[in-house]
Amino acid sequence: MIIVVDKAECVGCEECLHVCPRETIFMEDEKAEIVQRTCDKCERCIPVCPVKAIKAVSIQLNESKI
């Protein structure tokens, strides 16, 4: 699972920045961006987003490439 920001939906309110315990969210071009390698997937950012632009997404690894 990864946490992603839908940039088309993000309004740049910065609410997610204030709840991230690892400070892994930053603003780029007035939109939230999540650094995946430091995100601990706590999901605290998801419920504070007023436009539901932040989501937890399942990913599938292609085992043949591992």
N, C-alpha and C. Protein backbone atom coordinates (compact mmCIF):
# COMPACT_ATOMS: atom_id res chain seq x y z
N MET A 1 0.83 -1.18 0.00
CA MET A 1 0.00 0.00 0.00
C MET A 1 0.88 1.25 0.00
N ILE A 2 0.44 2.25 -0.73
CA ILE A 2 1.08 3.56 -0.69
C ILE A 2 0.00 4.62 -0.51
N ILE A 3 0.41 5.77 -0.03
CA ILE A 3 -0.49 6.90 0.13
C ILE A 3 -0.19 7.86 -1.01
N VAL A 4 -1.22 8.25 -1.74
CA VAL A 4 -1.02 9.11 -2.90
C VAL A 4 -1.92 10.34 -2.84
N VAL A 5 -1.48 11.39 -3.51
CA VAL A 5 -2.25 12.61 -3.63
C VAL A 5 -2.70 12.75 -5.08
N ASP A 6 -3.99 12.92 -5.27
CA ASP A 6 -4.51 13.20 -6.60
C ASP A 6 -4.32 14.70 -6.83
N LYS A 7 -3.34 15.05 -7.63
CA LYS A 7 -2.99 16.46 -7.84
C LYS A 7 -4.12 17.25 -8.48
N ALA A 8 -4.97 16.59 -9.25
CA ALA A 8 -6.10 17.28 -9.87
C ALA A 8 -7.13 17.70 -8.82
N GLU A 9 -7.20 16.96 -7.72
CA GLU A 9 -8.17 17.26 -6.67
C GLU A 9 -7.59 18.12 -5.55
N CYS A 10 -6.29 18.07 -5.33
CA CYS A 10 -5.65 18.80 -4.23
C CYS A 10 -5.84 20.30 -4.42
N VAL A 11 -6.29 20.97 -3.32
CA VAL A 11 -6.50 22.42 -3.37
C VAL A 11 -5.38 23.19 -2.67
N GLY A 12 -4.37 22.48 -2.19
CA GLY A 12 -3.22 23.14 -1.58
C GLY A 12 -3.48 23.74 -0.22
N CYS A 13 -4.40 23.19 0.54
CA CYS A 13 -4.75 23.75 1.84
C CYS A 13 -3.70 23.52 2.92
N GLU A 14 -2.82 22.54 2.73
CA GLU A 14 -1.72 22.20 3.63
C GLU A 14 -2.15 21.54 4.93
N GLU A 15 -3.39 21.13 5.05
CA GLU A 15 -3.85 20.45 6.27
C GLU A 15 -3.04 19.17 6.53
N CYS A 16 -2.74 18.45 5.47
CA CYS A 16 -2.01 17.18 5.61
C CYS A 16 -0.60 17.38 6.17
N LEU A 17 0.02 18.50 5.85
CA LEU A 17 1.37 18.78 6.35
C LEU A 17 1.40 18.81 7.87
N HIS A 18 0.35 19.32 8.48
CA HIS A 18 0.31 19.51 9.93
C HIS A 18 0.10 18.23 10.71
N VAL A 19 -0.41 17.18 10.08
CA VAL A 19 -0.68 15.93 10.80
C VAL A 19 0.35 14.84 10.53
N CYS A 20 1.22 15.04 9.58
CA CYS A 20 2.20 14.00 9.23
C CYS A 20 3.29 13.92 10.30
N PRO A 21 3.38 12.80 11.02
CA PRO A 21 4.37 12.68 12.09
C PRO A 21 5.82 12.58 11.59
N ARG A 22 6.00 12.22 10.33
CA ARG A 22 7.35 12.06 9.78
C ARG A 22 7.76 13.23 8.90
N GLU A 23 6.88 14.23 8.79
CA GLU A 23 7.14 15.40 7.94
C GLU A 23 7.56 14.99 6.53
N THR A 24 6.83 14.03 6.00
CA THR A 24 7.14 13.48 4.68
C THR A 24 6.30 14.08 3.56
N ILE A 25 5.42 15.02 3.93
CA ILE A 25 4.59 15.69 2.94
C ILE A 25 5.12 17.11 2.74
N PHE A 26 5.25 17.52 1.49
CA PHE A 26 5.70 18.87 1.19
C PHE A 26 4.84 19.41 0.05
N MET A 27 4.96 20.69 -0.18
CA MET A 27 4.18 21.33 -1.25
C MET A 27 5.08 21.53 -2.47
N GLU A 28 4.54 21.19 -3.63
CA GLU A 28 5.24 21.41 -4.89
C GLU A 28 4.21 21.96 -5.88
N ASP A 29 4.47 23.13 -6.41
CA ASP A 29 3.53 23.79 -7.31
C ASP A 29 2.14 23.93 -6.67
N GLU A 30 2.15 24.25 -5.38
CA GLU A 30 0.93 24.48 -4.59
C GLU A 30 0.05 23.25 -4.43
N LYS A 31 0.67 22.07 -4.57
CA LYS A 31 -0.02 20.80 -4.38
C LYS A 31 0.78 19.94 -3.41
N ALA A 32 0.09 19.12 -2.62
CA ALA A 32 0.78 18.22 -1.68
C ALA A 32 1.50 17.12 -2.44
N GLU A 33 2.65 16.76 -1.92
CA GLU A 33 3.46 15.67 -2.49
C GLU A 33 3.94 14.83 -1.32
N ILE A 34 3.92 13.50 -1.46
CA ILE A 34 4.34 12.59 -0.40
C ILE A 34 5.61 11.88 -0.83
N VAL A 35 6.61 11.90 0.05
CA VAL A 35 7.86 11.18 -0.20
C VAL A 35 7.63 9.73 0.22
N GLN A 36 7.50 8.85 -0.75
CA GLN A 36 7.14 7.46 -0.47
C GLN A 36 8.17 6.73 0.39
N ARG A 37 9.43 7.01 0.20
CA ARG A 37 10.45 6.25 0.94
C ARG A 37 10.46 6.57 2.43
N THR A 38 9.90 7.71 2.83
CA THR A 38 9.87 8.05 4.26
C THR A 38 8.47 7.98 4.87
N CYS A 39 7.46 7.81 4.05
CA CYS A 39 6.08 7.71 4.54
C CYS A 39 5.92 6.38 5.27
N ASP A 40 5.36 6.43 6.50
CA ASP A 40 5.16 5.18 7.24
C ASP A 40 3.73 4.63 7.12
N LYS A 41 2.96 5.21 6.20
CA LYS A 41 1.60 4.73 5.88
C LYS A 41 0.66 4.79 7.08
N CYS A 42 0.81 5.79 7.94
CA CYS A 42 -0.04 5.91 9.13
C CYS A 42 -1.45 6.35 8.78
N GLU A 43 -1.63 6.95 7.61
CA GLU A 43 -2.92 7.39 7.08
C GLU A 43 -3.53 8.57 7.82
N ARG A 44 -2.78 9.26 8.64
CA ARG A 44 -3.32 10.43 9.35
C ARG A 44 -3.70 11.55 8.40
N CYS A 45 -3.06 11.61 7.26
CA CYS A 45 -3.34 12.66 6.29
C CYS A 45 -4.66 12.47 5.56
N ILE A 46 -5.11 11.24 5.44
CA ILE A 46 -6.30 10.94 4.64
C ILE A 46 -7.56 11.62 5.18
N PRO A 47 -7.90 11.47 6.46
CA PRO A 47 -9.16 12.06 6.92
C PRO A 47 -9.15 13.59 7.04
N VAL A 48 -7.97 14.21 7.09
CA VAL A 48 -7.95 15.67 7.22
C VAL A 48 -8.06 16.40 5.89
N CYS A 49 -7.95 15.67 4.79
CA CYS A 49 -8.05 16.31 3.47
C CYS A 49 -9.50 16.69 3.20
N PRO A 50 -9.79 17.99 3.07
CA PRO A 50 -11.18 18.41 2.90
C PRO A 50 -11.80 18.03 1.55
N VAL A 51 -10.96 17.70 0.57
CA VAL A 51 -11.49 17.34 -0.76
C VAL A 51 -11.22 15.89 -1.12
N LYS A 52 -10.76 15.12 -0.14
CA LYS A 52 -10.50 13.68 -0.33
C LYS A 52 -9.51 13.40 -1.46
N ALA A 53 -8.49 14.25 -1.56
CA ALA A 53 -7.47 14.08 -2.60
C ALA A 53 -6.39 13.07 -2.21
N ILE A 54 -6.35 12.69 -0.93
CA ILE A 54 -5.32 11.75 -0.46
C ILE A 54 -5.97 10.40 -0.24
N LYS A 55 -5.34 9.37 -0.81
CA LYS A 55 -5.92 8.03 -0.76
C LYS A 55 -4.84 6.98 -0.50
N ALA A 56 -5.25 5.88 0.12
CA ALA A 56 -4.39 4.71 0.25
C ALA A 56 -4.67 3.82 -0.95
N VAL A 57 -3.62 3.42 -1.63
CA VAL A 57 -3.75 2.64 -2.86
C VAL A 57 -2.93 1.36 -2.74
N SER A 58 -3.55 0.26 -3.08
CA SER A 58 -2.82 -1.01 -3.10
C SER A 58 -1.97 -1.07 -4.36
N ILE A 59 -0.80 -1.61 -4.22
CA ILE A 59 0.06 -1.80 -5.39
C ILE A 59 0.43 -3.27 -5.48
N GLN A 60 0.62 -3.73 -6.68
CA GLN A 60 1.04 -5.10 -6.88
C GLN A 60 2.44 -5.08 -7.48
N LEU A 61 3.30 -5.85 -6.86
CA LEU A 61 4.67 -5.96 -7.37
C LEU A 61 4.72 -7.05 -8.43
N ASN A 62 5.43 -6.78 -9.47
CA ASN A 62 5.64 -7.78 -10.50
C ASN A 62 6.80 -8.65 -10.04
N GLU A 63 6.48 -9.82 -9.49
CA GLU A 63 7.49 -10.69 -8.88
C GLU A 63 8.55 -11.15 -9.88
N SER A 64 8.24 -11.17 -11.14
CA SER A 64 9.23 -11.60 -12.12
C SER A 64 10.36 -10.59 -12.27
N LYS A 65 10.13 -9.36 -11.79
CA LYS A 65 11.16 -8.33 -11.90
C LYS A 65 11.88 -8.09 -10.58
N ILE A 66 11.55 -8.86 -9.56
CA ILE A 66 12.20 -8.67 -8.25
C ILE A 66 13.48 -9.47 -8.19
